Each structure stands twice: as C-alpha cells, then as structure tokens.
Amino acid sequence: RVTSTMSYRDMRNFTEMLRALGYPRLVSMENFCSPNFALVAEILQWLVRRYDPGSDLPMDTDTEQDRLLFIKSVSQFMATKAHIKLNAKKVYGADGYAVKELLKIASMLYEAMKSNRVSEGHAHAPEQFDIASKAGDLKVIRGLASEITEHGSSLSGLLKQEVELQELRMTVIGRPLELDEIERELKGSINQVHGKTREVIRRLENLAGDEANLEARIEKKKQELERNHKRLRSLQNVRPAFMDEYEKLEGELKKHYEDYIEKFRNLTYLEHQMEELNRVEQEKLEATN
C-alpha cells in the first residue's frame, strides 16, 4: 500500500505537480501500490530532461547493471547540478519511498515554474522592494560574509607559510637516506618505549604495595571491630552494682503508687457521696419552703 510508504498528501502533490509541469501520462496512487521501476525510470528521465534538455546521461534500463548505472548517474547529476540529494537505494526500490525522492525534483521544477510565471506577470508592474521581507536574507548574507572573511584570512595565513613549508618539504624530500641516522632515531625511539615500559612496571609494583598496605589496614580495623563487639557483649552481661538497690526502690515505689491510687479512688467516691447528700438536703429544704 502507498500509505505505508508515503502519505496521501505527498502523492496528491506529486501528481498535481507532474500535471502542472506537463507530464504526458496520468499518474495515480495505484501505480505505486507495488514496485514499478519502469514508471519511476520514465518519470525520472522526463524530469531530468525537463531540468536540462541537453543532459547526456545513460538512459538504458534493460538490465540490472543498466538500472544501477542509470540511478547512480541521475543521483550524481542532480547533486552536482541542482544540489538535490537523492537516496539512490529508495529510488531503485520504485515504490512510495521512490516517489518521495522524485517529489524533491518535481517540487524544485514546480517552484521554478511558479516563480517564472510571477516574474512574467509583474514584468510591467512598478518595482517594489520590501526591506522587511528581506531581513532574514540580509542576516544570512551577513553571516556568510563574515565566514568568508574568516576563511579568507585563515587561507591567506596558510598561503604565507607555504613558501617556507615548501622549501622545508623539498629539502626533506631531496635529502638522501642516511641509514646511520635512521638507525640512531629508531634506537632512540626504542629506548623511549623501554623507559615508558619500565615506568609502567614500577607504577604497577607500587600499586601492588599500596594494595597490600590497604589490605593490612582493613584487617587491622576488622580486628578492632571484633574486639569492640566482644567488649560490648561482656558489658551487656555484667550486672551493675546498683541494680539491687534500684529494684528495691522500684518495688517500694510500685507499692506507694498502688496506695495512692486506692486513696485517690476513695477520695473521689466520698466527694461524690458528699455532693449527692448536699443535693438531697437542698431539695428537701426547697420543698419545705
């Protein structure tokens, strides 16, 4: 299905653009329900000739090799001439994805045709220049001008160095090979490598010593922790000397508290009885009066 590879809107735009550009055949969505390389190649050839009637590209598509050469040539042509990058793999697939790639060329030709019509329609109209509409272009132009200046300055500096560098380069190239000097430089490089190797080995040995020291410190801390645990357990098992007096005072306090609760209850009960007696006497007094 076309909907799995491209949208209905893209397909509609593509067919309308081909019709507006003057493509002689009627193209519909059904043409790309399945891969259709013949139609894709025909449309691609027509678009290329519409862009550049004098283009000289291999147009044979009989064999697989011819089709690959055709797709590759058209992709390179559009990239160099129109700065349009086509995905050759999708174009070769000749399905909805290929139509998306063809839409890039068709859109460019369609926009150019519209611009040409607009310029012809306004050929005799008074020229107007809207600075506001060109503000974005001016900003881009300023940025490009700044980049060109920077690159030009950098290139100028490099070119100034080229005279000296060229002389050095030619001197080195023209110098005959001296085996003794090459051997001496190789021996020097080998000695440097050996020195670096010894340094690495020394660091590894120091690392092993540091690891041993760290393990010894860890073992020492573990022993101290174990001793502290034993001391804690022994302190938990030892009965303090004041515990007997504490338990005795705790028993006496408990007894005093029970006496207090009993007396408090009795006092509360007697106060309640007193209030009831006063209330009864008051009622009798009021009844007598």
Protein backbone atom coordinates (compact mmCIF):
# COMPACT_ATOMS: atom_id res chain seq x y z
CA ARG A 1 0.00 0.00 0.00
CA VAL A 2 1.13 3.57 -0.69
CA THR A 3 0.02 4.69 2.76
CA SER A 4 2.74 2.52 4.31
CA THR A 5 5.46 4.35 2.40
CA MET A 6 4.18 7.86 1.79
CA SER A 7 1.21 9.98 2.70
CA TYR A 8 -1.80 10.61 0.50
CA ARG A 9 -0.97 14.32 0.60
CA ASP A 10 2.52 13.73 -0.83
CA MET A 11 1.12 11.53 -3.60
CA ARG A 12 -1.54 14.11 -4.45
CA ASN A 13 1.04 16.90 -4.58
CA PHE A 14 3.31 14.80 -6.77
CA THR A 15 0.61 14.01 -9.32
CA GLU A 16 -0.59 17.63 -9.40
CA MET A 17 2.97 18.88 -9.93
CA LEU A 18 3.54 16.42 -12.78
CA ARG A 19 0.29 17.55 -14.38
CA ALA A 20 1.23 21.22 -13.99
CA LEU A 21 4.71 20.60 -15.43
CA GLY A 22 3.17 18.93 -18.47
CA TYR A 23 3.92 15.26 -17.94
CA PRO A 24 2.11 13.45 -20.78
CA ARG A 25 0.79 10.48 -18.77
CA LEU A 26 -1.75 10.34 -15.95
CA VAL A 27 -0.17 9.12 -12.70
CA SER A 28 -2.27 7.85 -9.76
CA MET A 29 -1.69 6.24 -6.39
CA GLU A 30 -2.43 2.78 -7.79
CA ASN A 31 0.67 2.97 -9.98
CA PHE A 32 2.87 2.66 -6.86
CA CYS A 33 0.98 0.03 -4.88
CA SER A 34 3.79 -2.31 -5.91
CA PRO A 35 7.33 -1.58 -7.19
CA ASN A 36 7.12 -0.11 -10.70
CA PHE A 37 10.65 0.62 -11.89
CA ALA A 38 9.63 1.26 -15.49
CA LEU A 39 7.33 4.14 -14.50
CA VAL A 40 9.81 5.56 -11.98
CA ALA A 41 12.58 5.49 -14.59
CA GLU A 42 10.32 7.14 -17.18
CA ILE A 43 9.31 9.94 -14.80
CA LEU A 44 12.92 10.40 -13.68
CA GLN A 45 14.13 10.66 -17.28
CA TRP A 46 11.41 13.17 -18.08
CA LEU A 47 12.22 15.30 -15.01
CA VAL A 48 15.95 15.31 -15.84
CA ARG A 49 15.27 16.37 -19.44
CA ARG A 50 12.83 19.00 -18.18
CA TYR A 51 15.56 20.38 -15.92
CA ASP A 52 18.34 20.20 -18.53
CA PRO A 53 17.32 19.28 -22.09
CA GLY A 54 20.98 18.98 -23.05
CA SER A 55 21.85 16.43 -20.37
CA ASP A 56 23.76 13.40 -21.61
CA LEU A 57 23.04 10.55 -19.23
CA PRO A 58 22.77 6.78 -19.83
CA MET A 59 19.06 6.12 -20.14
CA ASP A 60 19.09 2.34 -20.73
CA THR A 61 17.27 0.29 -18.06
CA ASP A 62 17.10 -3.13 -19.69
CA THR A 63 19.45 -4.99 -17.36
CA GLU A 64 20.10 -4.71 -13.66
CA GLN A 65 23.55 -3.21 -14.34
CA ASP A 66 21.96 -0.61 -16.66
CA ARG A 67 19.39 0.30 -14.00
CA LEU A 68 22.08 0.72 -11.33
CA LEU A 69 24.16 2.90 -13.67
CA PHE A 70 21.10 4.97 -14.57
CA ILE A 71 20.13 5.61 -10.93
CA LYS A 72 23.72 6.42 -9.95
CA SER A 73 24.18 8.83 -12.90
CA VAL A 74 20.92 10.67 -12.23
CA SER A 75 21.70 10.97 -8.48
CA GLN A 76 25.15 12.42 -9.20
CA PHE A 77 23.74 14.75 -11.88
CA MET A 78 21.04 16.20 -9.58
CA ALA A 79 23.51 16.53 -6.69
CA THR A 80 26.06 18.47 -8.75
CA LYS A 81 23.71 20.49 -10.96
CA ALA A 82 20.65 21.16 -8.76
CA HIS A 83 22.12 20.46 -5.29
CA ILE A 84 19.37 17.89 -4.68
CA LYS A 85 20.48 14.80 -2.78
CA LEU A 86 18.59 11.68 -3.85
CA ASN A 87 18.60 8.41 -1.95
CA ALA A 88 19.61 6.01 -4.72
CA LYS A 89 18.51 2.95 -2.73
CA LYS A 90 14.97 4.32 -2.27
CA VAL A 91 14.76 5.36 -5.94
CA TYR A 92 15.81 1.87 -7.03
CA GLY A 93 13.04 0.43 -4.83
CA ALA A 94 10.50 2.06 -7.21
CA ASP A 95 7.76 2.31 -4.56
CA GLY A 96 6.29 5.06 -2.41
CA TYR A 97 9.72 5.87 -0.99
CA ALA A 98 10.97 6.45 -4.53
CA VAL A 99 8.08 8.85 -5.14
CA LYS A 100 9.25 10.87 -2.12
CA GLU A 101 12.64 11.23 -3.80
CA LEU A 102 11.08 12.18 -7.15
CA LEU A 103 8.98 14.75 -5.31
CA LYS A 104 12.18 16.65 -4.48
CA ILE A 105 12.91 17.23 -8.19
CA ALA A 106 9.29 17.89 -9.08
CA SER A 107 8.95 20.44 -6.26
CA MET A 108 12.04 22.29 -7.43
CA LEU A 109 10.79 22.44 -11.05
CA TYR A 110 7.29 23.42 -9.94
CA GLU A 111 8.55 26.26 -7.74
CA ALA A 112 10.77 27.49 -10.57
CA MET A 113 7.80 27.47 -12.95
CA LYS A 114 5.65 29.42 -10.49
CA SER A 115 8.40 31.97 -9.92
CA ASN A 116 8.81 32.39 -13.67
CA ARG A 117 5.09 32.99 -14.08
CA VAL A 118 5.01 35.51 -11.28
CA SER A 119 8.01 37.39 -12.71
CA GLU A 120 6.37 37.46 -16.15
CA GLY A 121 3.05 38.67 -14.69
CA HIS A 122 4.77 41.54 -12.90
CA ALA A 123 7.21 42.42 -15.68
CA HIS A 124 5.46 45.72 -16.38
CA ALA A 125 4.49 46.50 -12.78
CA PRO A 126 6.42 49.15 -10.87
CA GLU A 127 9.29 47.62 -8.95
CA GLN A 128 8.75 47.48 -5.19
CA PHE A 129 11.28 46.50 -2.59
CA ASP A 130 10.10 45.36 0.82
CA ILE A 131 13.06 45.56 3.18
CA ALA A 132 11.12 43.77 5.93
CA SER A 133 10.67 40.65 3.81
CA LYS A 134 14.41 40.56 3.11
CA ALA A 135 15.53 40.93 6.73
CA GLY A 136 16.13 37.20 7.10
CA ASP A 137 18.12 37.06 3.85
CA LEU A 138 20.23 40.02 4.97
CA LYS A 139 21.04 38.24 8.23
CA VAL A 140 22.11 35.11 6.36
CA ILE A 141 24.19 37.17 3.92
CA ARG A 142 25.96 38.95 6.78
CA GLY A 143 26.77 35.59 8.40
CA LEU A 144 28.10 34.17 5.13
CA ALA A 145 30.17 37.32 4.51
CA SER A 146 31.69 37.00 7.99
CA GLU A 147 32.51 33.32 7.40
CA ILE A 148 34.06 34.13 4.00
CA THR A 149 36.22 36.80 5.62
CA GLU A 150 37.38 34.45 8.38
CA HIS A 151 38.14 31.61 5.95
CA GLY A 152 39.92 34.03 3.61
CA SER A 153 42.08 35.32 6.43
CA SER A 154 42.95 31.80 7.54
CA LEU A 155 43.73 30.76 3.96
CA SER A 156 45.93 33.82 3.48
CA GLY A 157 47.94 32.95 6.60
CA LEU A 158 48.39 29.36 5.44
CA LEU A 159 49.48 30.50 1.97
CA LYS A 160 52.09 32.80 3.52
CA GLN A 161 53.54 29.81 5.33
CA GLU A 162 53.52 27.68 2.19
CA VAL A 163 56.74 29.23 0.79
CA GLU A 164 58.74 28.28 3.86
CA LEU A 165 56.99 24.94 4.24
CA GLN A 166 57.56 24.10 0.59
CA GLU A 167 61.31 24.73 0.95
CA LEU A 168 61.44 22.54 4.05
CA ARG A 169 59.40 19.86 2.31
CA MET A 170 61.62 19.86 -0.75
CA THR A 171 64.73 19.81 1.46
CA VAL A 172 63.47 16.75 3.33
CA ILE A 173 62.41 15.03 0.12
CA GLY A 174 65.72 15.73 -1.56
CA ARG A 175 67.80 14.61 1.40
CA PRO A 176 69.40 11.19 0.81
CA LEU A 177 68.53 8.45 3.19
CA GLU A 178 71.16 8.07 5.89
CA LEU A 179 70.93 4.62 7.39
CA ASP A 180 73.04 5.55 10.41
CA GLU A 181 70.74 8.45 11.30
CA ILE A 182 67.63 6.32 10.78
CA GLU A 183 69.14 3.58 12.96
CA ARG A 184 70.02 6.14 15.65
CA GLU A 185 66.48 7.58 15.65
CA LEU A 186 64.96 4.09 15.79
CA LYS A 187 67.21 3.17 18.72
CA GLY A 188 66.21 6.40 20.46
CA SER A 189 62.52 5.59 19.95
CA ILE A 190 63.08 2.06 21.24
CA ASN A 191 64.84 3.39 24.34
CA GLN A 192 61.96 5.79 24.98
CA VAL A 193 59.50 2.91 24.72
CA HIS A 194 61.62 0.83 27.10
CA GLY A 195 61.75 3.75 29.55
CA LYS A 196 57.98 4.16 29.45
CA THR A 197 57.58 0.40 29.92
CA ARG A 198 59.83 0.43 33.00
CA GLU A 199 57.87 3.37 34.41
CA VAL A 200 54.60 1.48 33.95
CA ILE A 201 56.07 -1.62 35.61
CA ARG A 202 57.31 0.49 38.52
CA ARG A 203 53.88 2.02 38.97
CA LEU A 204 52.30 -1.44 38.89
CA GLU A 205 54.71 -2.62 41.59
CA ASN A 206 53.92 0.42 43.72
CA LEU A 207 50.25 -0.26 43.17
CA ALA A 208 50.71 -3.82 44.43
CA GLY A 209 52.48 -2.50 47.54
CA ASP A 210 49.74 0.06 48.17
CA GLU A 211 47.16 -2.70 47.77
CA ALA A 212 48.97 -4.85 50.37
CA ASN A 213 49.16 -1.93 52.83
CA LEU A 214 45.47 -1.20 52.34
CA GLU A 215 44.55 -4.84 52.94
CA ALA A 216 46.64 -4.84 56.15
CA ARG A 217 44.86 -1.72 57.38
CA ILE A 218 41.48 -3.25 56.59
CA GLU A 219 42.40 -6.42 58.52
CA LYS A 220 43.53 -4.31 61.49
CA LYS A 221 40.24 -2.40 61.51
CA LYS A 222 38.32 -5.69 61.37
CA GLN A 223 40.19 -6.96 64.43
CA GLU A 224 39.48 -3.73 66.33
CA LEU A 225 35.80 -4.02 65.41
CA GLU A 226 35.68 -7.61 66.66
CA ARG A 227 37.26 -6.60 69.98
CA ASN A 228 34.75 -3.81 70.41
CA HIS A 229 31.89 -6.24 69.74
CA LYS A 230 33.23 -8.62 72.41
CA ARG A 231 33.57 -5.79 74.90
CA LEU A 232 30.01 -4.69 74.20
CA ARG A 233 28.69 -8.21 74.80
CA SER A 234 30.63 -8.51 78.06
CA LEU A 235 29.27 -5.18 79.30
CA GLN A 236 25.76 -6.27 78.43
CA ASN A 237 26.19 -9.46 80.53
CA VAL A 238 27.66 -7.70 83.60
CA ARG A 239 25.06 -6.75 86.28
CA PRO A 240 25.67 -3.23 87.67
CA ALA A 241 26.26 -2.91 91.44
CA PHE A 242 23.35 -0.51 91.98
CA MET A 243 20.76 -2.81 90.35
CA ASP A 244 19.76 -4.42 93.71
CA GLU A 245 19.04 -1.06 95.30
CA TYR A 246 17.31 0.09 92.12
CA GLU A 247 14.99 -2.95 92.07
CA LYS A 248 14.23 -2.49 95.81
CA LEU A 249 13.32 1.18 95.31
CA GLU A 250 11.31 0.26 92.25
CA GLY A 251 9.24 -2.23 94.34
CA GLU A 252 8.64 0.34 97.08
CA LEU A 253 7.61 2.93 94.51
CA LYS A 254 5.18 0.49 92.97
CA LYS A 255 3.61 -0.19 96.39
CA HIS A 256 3.32 3.54 97.17
CA TYR A 257 1.72 4.11 93.80
CA GLU A 258 -0.89 1.40 94.45
CA ASP A 259 -1.68 3.04 97.84
CA TYR A 260 -2.01 6.40 96.14
CA ILE A 261 -4.41 5.02 93.53
CA GLU A 262 -6.56 3.38 96.22
CA LYS A 263 -6.74 6.55 98.32
CA PHE A 264 -7.48 8.67 95.25
CA ARG A 265 -10.38 6.40 94.32
CA ASN A 266 -11.76 6.53 97.89
CA LEU A 267 -11.47 10.31 97.96
CA THR A 268 -13.26 10.61 94.62
CA TYR A 269 -16.06 8.31 95.85
CA LEU A 270 -16.51 10.24 99.11
CA GLU A 271 -16.64 13.57 97.23
CA HIS A 272 -19.32 12.15 95.00
CA GLN A 273 -21.36 10.93 98.00
CA MET A 274 -20.97 14.36 99.63
CA GLU A 275 -22.33 16.05 96.52
CA GLU A 276 -25.32 13.66 96.43
CA LEU A 277 -26.07 14.30 100.12
CA ASN A 278 -25.92 18.06 99.66
CA ARG A 279 -28.18 17.85 96.64
CA VAL A 280 -30.81 15.79 98.58
CA GLU A 281 -30.76 18.19 101.53
CA GLN A 282 -31.12 21.13 99.20
CA GLU A 283 -34.13 19.55 97.54
CA LYS A 284 -35.74 18.90 100.96
CA LEU A 285 -35.13 22.48 102.00
CA GLU A 286 -36.71 23.80 98.86
CA ALA A 287 -39.70 21.51 99.26
CA THR A 288 -40.26 22.70 102.90
CA ASN A 289 -40.19 26.36 101.89
